PDB file of N, CA and C in Angstrom:
ATOM      1  N   LEU A   1       0.800  -1.207   0.000  1.00  0.00           N
ATOM      2  CA  LEU A   1       0.000   0.000   0.000  1.00  0.00           C
ATOM      3  C   LEU A   1       0.839   1.265   0.000  1.00  0.00           C
ATOM      4  N   SER A   2       2.133   1.122   0.174  1.00  0.00           N
ATOM      5  CA  SER A   2       2.989   2.293   0.209  1.00  0.00           C
ATOM      6  C   SER A   2       2.919   3.113  -1.079  1.00  0.00           C
ATOM      7  N   PRO A   3       2.858   2.482  -2.282  1.00  0.00           N
ATOM      8  CA  PRO A   3       2.750   3.291  -3.498  1.00  0.00           C
ATOM      9  C   PRO A   3       1.465   4.119  -3.546  1.00  0.00           C
ATOM     10  N   VAL A   4       0.435   3.698  -2.872  1.00  0.00           N
ATOM     11  CA  VAL A   4      -0.814   4.456  -2.848  1.00  0.00           C
ATOM     12  C   VAL A   4      -0.615   5.776  -2.117  1.00  0.00           C
ATOM     13  N   CYS A   5       0.302   5.779  -1.136  1.00  0.00           N
ATOM     14  CA  CYS A   5       0.521   6.958  -0.305  1.00  0.00           C
ATOM     15  C   CYS A   5       1.546   7.922  -0.886  1.00  0.00           C
ATOM     16  N   LEU A   6       1.989   7.687  -2.124  1.00  0.00           N
ATOM     17  CA  LEU A   6       2.976   8.570  -2.731  1.00  0.00           C
ATOM     18  C   LEU A   6       2.326   9.832  -3.270  1.00  0.00           C
ATOM     19  N   GLY A   7       3.162  10.798  -3.627  1.00  0.00           N
ATOM     20  CA  GLY A   7       2.653  12.029  -4.214  1.00  0.00           C
ATOM     21  C   GLY A   7       2.096  12.957  -3.162  1.00  0.00           C
ATOM     22  N   SER A   8       0.991  13.617  -3.478  1.00  0.00           N
ATOM     23  CA  SER A   8       0.421  14.591  -2.550  1.00  0.00           C
ATOM     24  C   SER A   8      -0.134  13.920  -1.297  1.00  0.00           C
ATOM     25  N   LEU A   9      -0.465  12.634  -1.388  1.00  0.00           N
ATOM     26  CA  LEU A   9      -0.968  11.924  -0.216  1.00  0.00           C
ATOM     27  C   LEU A   9       0.123  11.708   0.825  1.00  0.00           C
ATOM     28  N   ASN A  10       1.400  11.755   0.388  1.00  0.00           N
ATOM     29  CA  ASN A  10       2.511  11.560   1.310  1.00  0.00           C
ATOM     30  C   ASN A  10       2.576  12.660   2.365  1.00  0.00           C
ATOM     31  N   GLU A  11       2.033  13.814   2.047  1.00  0.00           N
ATOM     32  CA  GLU A  11       2.027  14.946   2.976  1.00  0.00           C
ATOM     33  C   GLU A  11       0.960  14.785   4.058  1.00  0.00           C
ATOM     34  N   ARG A  12      -0.034  13.990   3.793  1.00  0.00           N
ATOM     35  CA  ARG A  12      -1.137  13.816   4.736  1.00  0.00           C
ATOM     36  C   ARG A  12      -0.809  12.737   5.757  1.00  0.00           C
ATOM     37  N   PRO A  13      -1.269  12.919   6.989  1.00  0.00           N
ATOM     38  CA  PRO A  13      -1.015  11.871   7.995  1.00  0.00           C
ATOM     39  C   PRO A  13      -1.924  10.668   7.766  1.00  0.00           C
ATOM     40  N   ILE A  14      -1.489   9.533   8.257  1.00  0.00           N
ATOM     41  CA  ILE A  14      -2.322   8.335   8.251  1.00  0.00           C
ATOM     42  C   ILE A  14      -3.091   8.338   9.554  1.00  0.00           C
ATOM     43  N   ILE A  15      -4.395   8.169   9.463  1.00  0.00           N
ATOM     44  CA  ILE A  15      -5.250   8.179  10.644  1.00  0.00           C
ATOM     45  C   ILE A  15      -5.699   6.745  10.904  1.00  0.00           C
ATOM     46  N   HIS A  16      -5.433   6.263  12.113  1.00  0.00           N
ATOM     47  CA  HIS A  16      -5.740   4.878  12.467  1.00  0.00           C
ATOM     48  C   HIS A  16      -6.676   4.878  13.671  1.00  0.00           C
ATOM     49  N   LEU A  17      -7.771   4.141  13.553  1.00  0.00           N
ATOM     50  CA  LEU A  17      -8.740   4.021  14.639  1.00  0.00           C
ATOM     51  C   LEU A  17      -8.440   2.744  15.415  1.00  0.00           C
ATOM     52  N   GLU A  18      -8.137   2.900  16.695  1.00  0.00           N
ATOM     53  CA  GLU A  18      -7.829   1.751  17.538  1.00  0.00           C
ATOM     54  C   GLU A  18      -8.381   2.026  18.933  1.00  0.00           C
ATOM     55  N   ARG A  19      -9.202   1.089  19.406  1.00  0.00           N
ATOM     56  CA  ARG A  19      -9.842   1.208  20.720  1.00  0.00           C
ATOM     57  C   ARG A  19     -10.603   2.532  20.860  1.00  0.00           C
ATOM     58  N   ARG A  20     -11.354   2.835  19.852  1.00  0.00           N
ATOM     59  CA  ARG A  20     -12.202   4.026  19.804  1.00  0.00           C
ATOM     60  C   ARG A  20     -11.417   5.332  19.943  1.00  0.00           C
ATOM     61  N   ARG A  21     -10.154   5.314  19.555  1.00  0.00           N
ATOM     62  CA  ARG A  21      -9.327   6.516  19.570  1.00  0.00           C
ATOM     63  C   ARG A  21      -8.640   6.654  18.211  1.00  0.00           C
ATOM     64  N   LEU A  22      -8.540   7.884  17.739  1.00  0.00           N
ATOM     65  CA  LEU A  22      -7.844   8.152  16.492  1.00  0.00           C
ATOM     66  C   LEU A  22      -6.380   8.469  16.790  1.00  0.00           C
ATOM     67  N   ARG A  23      -5.488   7.842  16.049  1.00  0.00           N
ATOM     68  CA  ARG A  23      -4.062   8.120  16.169  1.00  0.00           C
ATOM     69  C   ARG A  23      -3.568   8.587  14.808  1.00  0.00           C
ATOM     70  N   TYR A  24      -2.752   9.610  14.816  1.00  0.00           N
ATOM     71  CA  TYR A  24      -2.221  10.179  13.590  1.00  0.00           C
ATOM     72  C   TYR A  24      -0.761   9.775  13.431  1.00  0.00           C
ATOM     73  N   TYR A  25      -0.407   9.294  12.233  1.00  0.00           N
ATOM     74  CA  TYR A  25       0.955   8.885  11.930  1.00  0.00           C
ATOM     75  C   TYR A  25       1.434   9.671  10.721  1.00  0.00           C
ATOM     76  N   LYS A  26       2.655  10.201  10.802  1.00  0.00           N
ATOM     77  CA  LYS A  26       3.252  10.898   9.660  1.00  0.00           C
ATOM     78  C   LYS A  26       4.042   9.900   8.836  1.00  0.00           C
ATOM     79  N   GLY A  27       4.217  10.211   7.565  1.00  0.00           N
ATOM     80  CA  GLY A  27       5.013   9.358   6.688  1.00  0.00           C
ATOM     81  C   GLY A  27       4.157   8.452   5.837  1.00  0.00           C
ATOM     82  N   ASN A  28       4.830   7.526   5.154  1.00  0.00           N
ATOM     83  CA  ASN A  28       4.111   6.619   4.265  1.00  0.00           C
ATOM     84  C   ASN A  28       3.600   5.402   5.039  1.00  0.00           C
ATOM     85  N   PHE A  29       2.973   4.491   4.306  1.00  0.00           N
ATOM     86  CA  PHE A  29       2.338   3.337   4.950  1.00  0.00           C
ATOM     87  C   PHE A  29       3.363   2.409   5.596  1.00  0.00           C
ATOM     88  N   ASP A  30       4.523   2.239   4.962  1.00  0.00           N
ATOM     89  CA  ASP A  30       5.563   1.373   5.541  1.00  0.00           C
ATOM     90  C   ASP A  30       6.035   1.924   6.885  1.00  0.00           C
ATOM     91  N   GLN A  31       6.203   3.232   6.979  1.00  0.00           N
ATOM     92  CA  GLN A  31       6.594   3.847   8.248  1.00  0.00           C
ATOM     93  C   GLN A  31       5.492   3.687   9.289  1.00  0.00           C
ATOM     94  N   PHE A  32       4.246   3.791   8.853  1.00  0.00           N
ATOM     95  CA  PHE A  32       3.108   3.588   9.752  1.00  0.00           C
ATOM     96  C   PHE A  32       3.134   2.186  10.356  1.00  0.00           C
ATOM     97  N   VAL A  33       3.334   1.175   9.506  1.00  0.00           N
ATOM     98  CA  VAL A  33       3.361  -0.214   9.973  1.00  0.00           C
ATOM     99  C   VAL A  33       4.527  -0.412  10.936  1.00  0.00           C
ATOM    100  N   LYS A  34       5.692   0.116  10.587  1.00  0.00           N
ATOM    101  CA  LYS A  34       6.880  -0.019  11.429  1.00  0.00           C
ATOM    102  C   LYS A  34       6.665   0.657  12.787  1.00  0.00           C
ATOM    103  N   THR A  35       6.157   1.860  12.781  1.00  0.00           N
ATOM    104  CA  THR A  35       5.916   2.601  14.018  1.00  0.00           C
ATOM    105  C   THR A  35       4.878   1.908  14.876  1.00  0.00           C
ATOM    106  N   ARG A  36       3.827   1.427  14.251  1.00  0.00           N
ATOM    107  CA  ARG A  36       2.752   0.755  14.995  1.00  0.00           C
ATOM    108  C   ARG A  36       3.259  -0.539  15.643  1.00  0.00           C
ATOM    109  N   GLU A  37       4.052  -1.309  14.916  1.00  0.00           N
ATOM    110  CA  GLU A  37       4.616  -2.537  15.478  1.00  0.00           C
ATOM    111  C   GLU A  37       5.570  -2.233  16.630  1.00  0.00           C
ATOM    112  N   GLU A  38       6.346  -1.183  16.489  1.00  0.00           N
ATOM    113  CA  GLU A  38       7.261  -0.788  17.556  1.00  0.00           C
ATOM    114  C   GLU A  38       6.480  -0.376  18.812  1.00  0.00           C
ATOM    115  N   LEU A  39       5.403   0.359  18.631  1.00  0.00           N
ATOM    116  CA  LEU A  39       4.562   0.746  19.768  1.00  0.00           C
ATOM    117  C   LEU A  39       3.947  -0.482  20.439  1.00  0.00           C
ATOM    118  N   ARG A  40       3.511  -1.441  19.638  1.00  0.00           N
ATOM    119  CA  ARG A  40       2.932  -2.675  20.207  1.00  0.00           C
ATOM    120  C   ARG A  40       3.964  -3.481  20.980  1.00  0.00           C
ATOM    121  N   ARG A  41       5.181  -3.565  20.443  1.00  0.00           N
ATOM    122  CA  ARG A  41       6.249  -4.284  21.158  1.00  0.00           C
ATOM    123  C   ARG A  41       6.565  -3.596  22.485  1.00  0.00           C
ATOM    124  N   ASN A  42       6.676  -2.278  22.453  1.00  0.00           N
ATOM    125  CA  ASN A  42       6.954  -1.531  23.682  1.00  0.00           C
ATOM    126  C   ASN A  42       5.837  -1.725  24.698  1.00  0.00           C
ATOM    127  N   GLN A  43       4.605  -1.742  24.232  1.00  0.00           N
ATOM    128  CA  GLN A  43       3.462  -1.955  25.112  1.00  0.00           C
ATOM    129  C   GLN A  43       3.503  -3.352  25.728  1.00  0.00           C
ATOM    130  N   ALA A  44       3.888  -4.347  24.944  1.00  0.00           N
ATOM    131  CA  ALA A  44       3.978  -5.717  25.450  1.00  0.00           C
ATOM    132  C   ALA A  44       5.076  -5.845  26.500  1.00  0.00           C
ATOM    133  N   VAL A  45       6.206  -5.186  26.274  1.00  0.00           N
ATOM    134  CA  VAL A  45       7.299  -5.205  27.249  1.00  0.00           C
ATOM    135  C   VAL A  45       6.871  -4.524  28.536  1.00  0.00           C
ATOM    136  N   GLN A  46       6.198  -3.393  28.412  1.00  0.00           N
ATOM    137  CA  GLN A  46       5.715  -2.665  29.586  1.00  0.00           C
ATOM    138  C   GLN A  46       4.699  -3.504  30.366  1.00  0.00           C
ATOM    139  N   TYR A  47       3.813  -4.176  29.657  1.00  0.00           N
ATOM    140  CA  TYR A  47       2.819  -5.033  30.306  1.00  0.00           C
ATOM    141  C   TYR A  47       3.505  -6.163  31.066  1.00  0.00           C
ATOM    142  N   GLN A  48       4.518  -6.777  30.451  1.00  0.00           N
ATOM    143  CA  GLN A  48       5.230  -7.877  31.109  1.00  0.00           C
ATOM    144  C   GLN A  48       5.951  -7.386  32.361  1.00  0.00           C
ATOM    145  N   ARG A  49       6.542  -6.197  32.303  1.00  0.00           N
ATOM    146  CA  ARG A  49       7.195  -5.630  33.490  1.00  0.00           C
ATOM    147  C   ARG A  49       6.182  -5.395  34.610  1.00  0.00           C
ATOM    148  N   GLN A  50       5.011  -4.879  34.256  1.00  0.00           N
ATOM    149  CA  GLN A  50       3.970  -4.656  35.262  1.00  0.00           C
ATOM    150  C   GLN A  50       3.532  -5.969  35.891  1.00  0.00           C
ATOM    151  N   GLN A  51       3.371  -7.003  35.071  1.00  0.00           N
ATOM    152  CA  GLN A  51       2.964  -8.298  35.598  1.00  0.00           C
ATOM    153  C   GLN A  51       4.031  -8.877  36.524  1.00  0.00           C
ATOM    154  N   ASN A  52       5.297  -8.702  36.169  1.00  0.00           N
ATOM    155  CA  ASN A  52       6.388  -9.171  37.026  1.00  0.00           C
ATOM    156  C   ASN A  52       6.403  -8.429  38.351  1.00  0.00           C
ATOM    157  N   LEU A  53       6.161  -7.120  38.325  1.00  0.00           N
ATOM    158  CA  LEU A  53       6.121  -6.328  39.551  1.00  0.00           C
ATOM    159  C   LEU A  53       4.947  -6.749  40.434  1.00  0.00           C
ATOM    160  N   ILE A  54       3.802  -6.987  39.826  1.00  0.00           N
ATOM    161  CA  ILE A  54       2.624  -7.432  40.585  1.00  0.00           C
ATOM    162  C   ILE A  54       2.909  -8.776  41.241  1.00  0.00           C
ATOM    163  N   LYS A  55       3.499  -9.690  40.489  1.00  0.00           N
ATOM    164  CA  LYS A  55       3.824 -11.007  41.035  1.00  0.00           C
ATOM    165  C   LYS A  55       4.823 -10.888  42.179  1.00  0.00           C
ATOM    166  N   HIS A  56       5.840 -10.050  42.002  1.00  0.00           N
ATOM    167  CA  HIS A  56       6.847  -9.850  43.047  1.00  0.00           C
ATOM    168  C   HIS A  56       6.207  -9.287  44.321  1.00  0.00           C
ATOM    169  N   ASN A  57       5.330  -8.299  44.156  1.00  0.00           N
ATOM    170  CA  ASN A  57       4.664  -7.705  45.321  1.00  0.00           C
ATOM    171  C   ASN A  57       3.741  -8.701  46.015  1.00  0.00           C
ATOM    172  N   GLU A  58       3.039  -9.518  45.242  1.00  0.00           N
ATOM    173  CA  GLU A  58       2.164 -10.527  45.849  1.00  0.00           C
ATOM    174  C   GLU A  58       2.974 -11.549  46.649  1.00  0.00           C
ATOM    175  N   GLU A  59       4.127 -11.943  46.103  1.00  0.00           N
ATOM    176  CA  GLU A  59       4.996 -12.876  46.831  1.00  0.00           C
ATOM    177  C   GLU A  59       5.544 -12.237  48.100  1.00  0.00           C
ATOM    178  N   PHE A  60       5.912 -10.963  48.022  1.00  0.00           N
ATOM    179  CA  PHE A  60       6.412 -10.241  49.191  1.00  0.00           C
ATOM    180  C   PHE A  60       5.342 -10.157  50.273  1.00  0.00           C
ATOM    181  N   ILE A  61       4.116  -9.833  49.861  1.00  0.00           N
ATOM    182  CA  ILE A  61       3.008  -9.717  50.813  1.00  0.00           C
ATOM    183  C   ILE A  61       2.744 -11.059  51.480  1.00  0.00           C
ATOM    184  N   ALA A  62       2.703 -12.123  50.685  1.00  0.00           N
ATOM    185  CA  ALA A  62       2.439 -13.453  51.244  1.00  0.00           C
ATOM    186  C   ALA A  62       3.539 -13.868  52.215  1.00  0.00           C
ATOM    187  N   LYS A  63       4.767 -13.495  51.917  1.00  0.00           N
ATOM    188  CA  LYS A  63       5.895 -13.912  52.736  1.00  0.00           C
ATOM    189  C   LYS A  63       6.006 -13.114  54.040  1.00  0.00           C
ATOM    190  N   PHE A  64       5.721 -11.804  53.980  1.00  0.00           N
ATOM    191  CA  PHE A  64       6.025 -10.943  55.116  1.00  0.00           C
ATOM    192  C   PHE A  64       4.817 -10.335  55.832  1.00  0.00           C
ATOM    193  N   LYS A  65       3.594 -10.704  55.461  1.00  0.00           N
ATOM    194  CA  LYS A  65       2.450 -10.064  56.108  1.00  0.00           C
ATOM    195  C   LYS A  65       2.329 -10.421  57.584  1.00  0.00           C
ATOM    196  N   CYS A  66       2.862 -11.554  58.007  1.00  0.00           N
ATOM    197  CA  CYS A  66       2.806 -11.962  59.413  1.00  0.00           C
ATOM    198  C   CYS A  66       4.110 -11.672  60.151  1.00  0.00           C
ATOM    199  N   ASN A  67       5.107 -11.180  59.455  1.00  0.00           N
ATOM    200  CA  ASN A  67       6.394 -10.864  60.066  1.00  0.00           C
ATOM    201  C   ASN A  67       6.298  -9.512  60.758  1.00  0.00           C
ATOM    202  N   LYS A  68       6.648  -9.457  62.017  1.00  0.00           N
ATOM    203  CA  LYS A  68       6.509  -8.228  62.800  1.00  0.00           C
ATOM    204  C   LYS A  68       7.335  -7.085  62.215  1.00  0.00           C
ATOM    205  N   LYS A  69       8.535  -7.387  61.767  1.00  0.00           N
ATOM    206  CA  LYS A  69       9.437  -6.360  61.250  1.00  0.00           C
ATOM    207  C   LYS A  69       8.976  -5.801  59.898  1.00  0.00           C
ATOM    208  N   TRP A  70       8.437  -6.648  59.041  1.00  0.00           N
ATOM    209  CA  TRP A  70       8.098  -6.254  57.674  1.00  0.00           C
ATOM    210  C   TRP A  70       6.599  -6.107  57.425  1.00  0.00           C
ATOM    211  N   SER A  71       5.774  -6.239  58.448  1.00  0.00           N
ATOM    212  CA  SER A  71       4.323  -6.212  58.226  1.00  0.00           C
ATOM    213  C   SER A  71       3.835  -4.856  57.722  1.00  0.00           C
ATOM    214  N   THR A  72       4.419  -3.747  58.192  1.00  0.00           N
ATOM    215  CA  THR A  72       3.976  -2.432  57.708  1.00  0.00           C
ATOM    216  C   THR A  72       4.315  -2.261  56.226  1.00  0.00           C
ATOM    217  N   GLN A  73       5.482  -2.754  55.825  1.00  0.00           N
ATOM    218  CA  GLN A  73       5.852  -2.696  54.408  1.00  0.00           C
ATOM    219  C   GLN A  73       4.889  -3.538  53.569  1.00  0.00           C
ATOM    220  N   ALA A  74       4.526  -4.707  54.059  1.00  0.00           N
ATOM    221  CA  ALA A  74       3.595  -5.577  53.336  1.00  0.00           C
ATOM    222  C   ALA A  74       2.214  -4.932  53.249  1.00  0.00           C
ATOM    223  N   GLN A  75       1.765  -4.297  54.336  1.00  0.00           N
ATOM    224  CA  GLN A  75       0.469  -3.625  54.314  1.00  0.00           C
ATOM    225  C   GLN A  75       0.472  -2.461  53.331  1.00  0.00           C
ATOM    226  N   SER A  76       1.572  -1.743  53.267  1.00  0.00           N
ATOM    227  CA  SER A  76       1.697  -0.638  52.330  1.00  0.00           C
ATOM    228  C   SER A  76       1.613  -1.140  50.883  1.00  0.00           C
ATOM    229  N   ARG A  77       2.259  -2.252  50.605  1.00  0.00           N
ATOM    230  CA  ARG A  77       2.209  -2.822  49.251  1.00  0.00           C
ATOM    231  C   ARG A  77       0.818  -3.351  48.925  1.00  0.00           C
ATOM    232  N   MET A  78       0.110  -3.854  49.952  1.00  0.00           N
ATOM    233  CA  MET A  78      -1.271  -4.313  49.734  1.00  0.00           C
ATOM    234  C   MET A  78      -2.152  -3.144  49.336  1.00  0.00           C
ATOM    235  N   LYS A  79      -1.968  -1.972  49.972  1.00  0.00           N
ATOM    236  CA  LYS A  79      -2.761  -0.789  49.638  1.00  0.00           C
ATOM    237  C   LYS A  79      -2.452  -0.334  48.215  1.00  0.00           C
ATOM    238  N   ASN A  80      -1.179  -0.365  47.834  1.00  0.00           N
ATOM    239  CA  ASN A  80      -0.799   0.040  46.480  1.00  0.00           C
ATOM    240  C   ASN A  80      -1.316  -0.922  45.416  1.00  0.00           C
ATOM    241  N   ALA A  81      -1.495  -2.179  45.789  1.00  0.00           N
ATOM    242  CA  ALA A  81      -1.962  -3.175  44.829  1.00  0.00           C
ATOM    243  C   ALA A  81      -3.440  -2.970  44.473  1.00  0.00           C
ATOM    244  N   ARG A  82      -4.184  -2.349  45.343  1.00  0.00           N
ATOM    245  CA  ARG A  82      -5.600  -2.122  45.077  1.00  0.00           C
ATOM    246  C   ARG A  82      -5.790  -1.102  44.065  1.00  0.00           C
TER     247      ARG A  82
END
């Protein structure tokens, strides 16, 4: 589809509807695909990091919620998890 975007159309942004939101991309269609894939990869990495942090906090809470020394820290993490 990149040849379709040549000429005067190359000056116009590509508008993509995703999750009921419009996103504007500059450049041709190949750049749009590349940028969109890069954003998806970054989003997947960020999601995995969040899941790892949630798992780590849940393990910490389970391990230290009854420990007198660390119980306040565990309670604080429980509040943040909500």
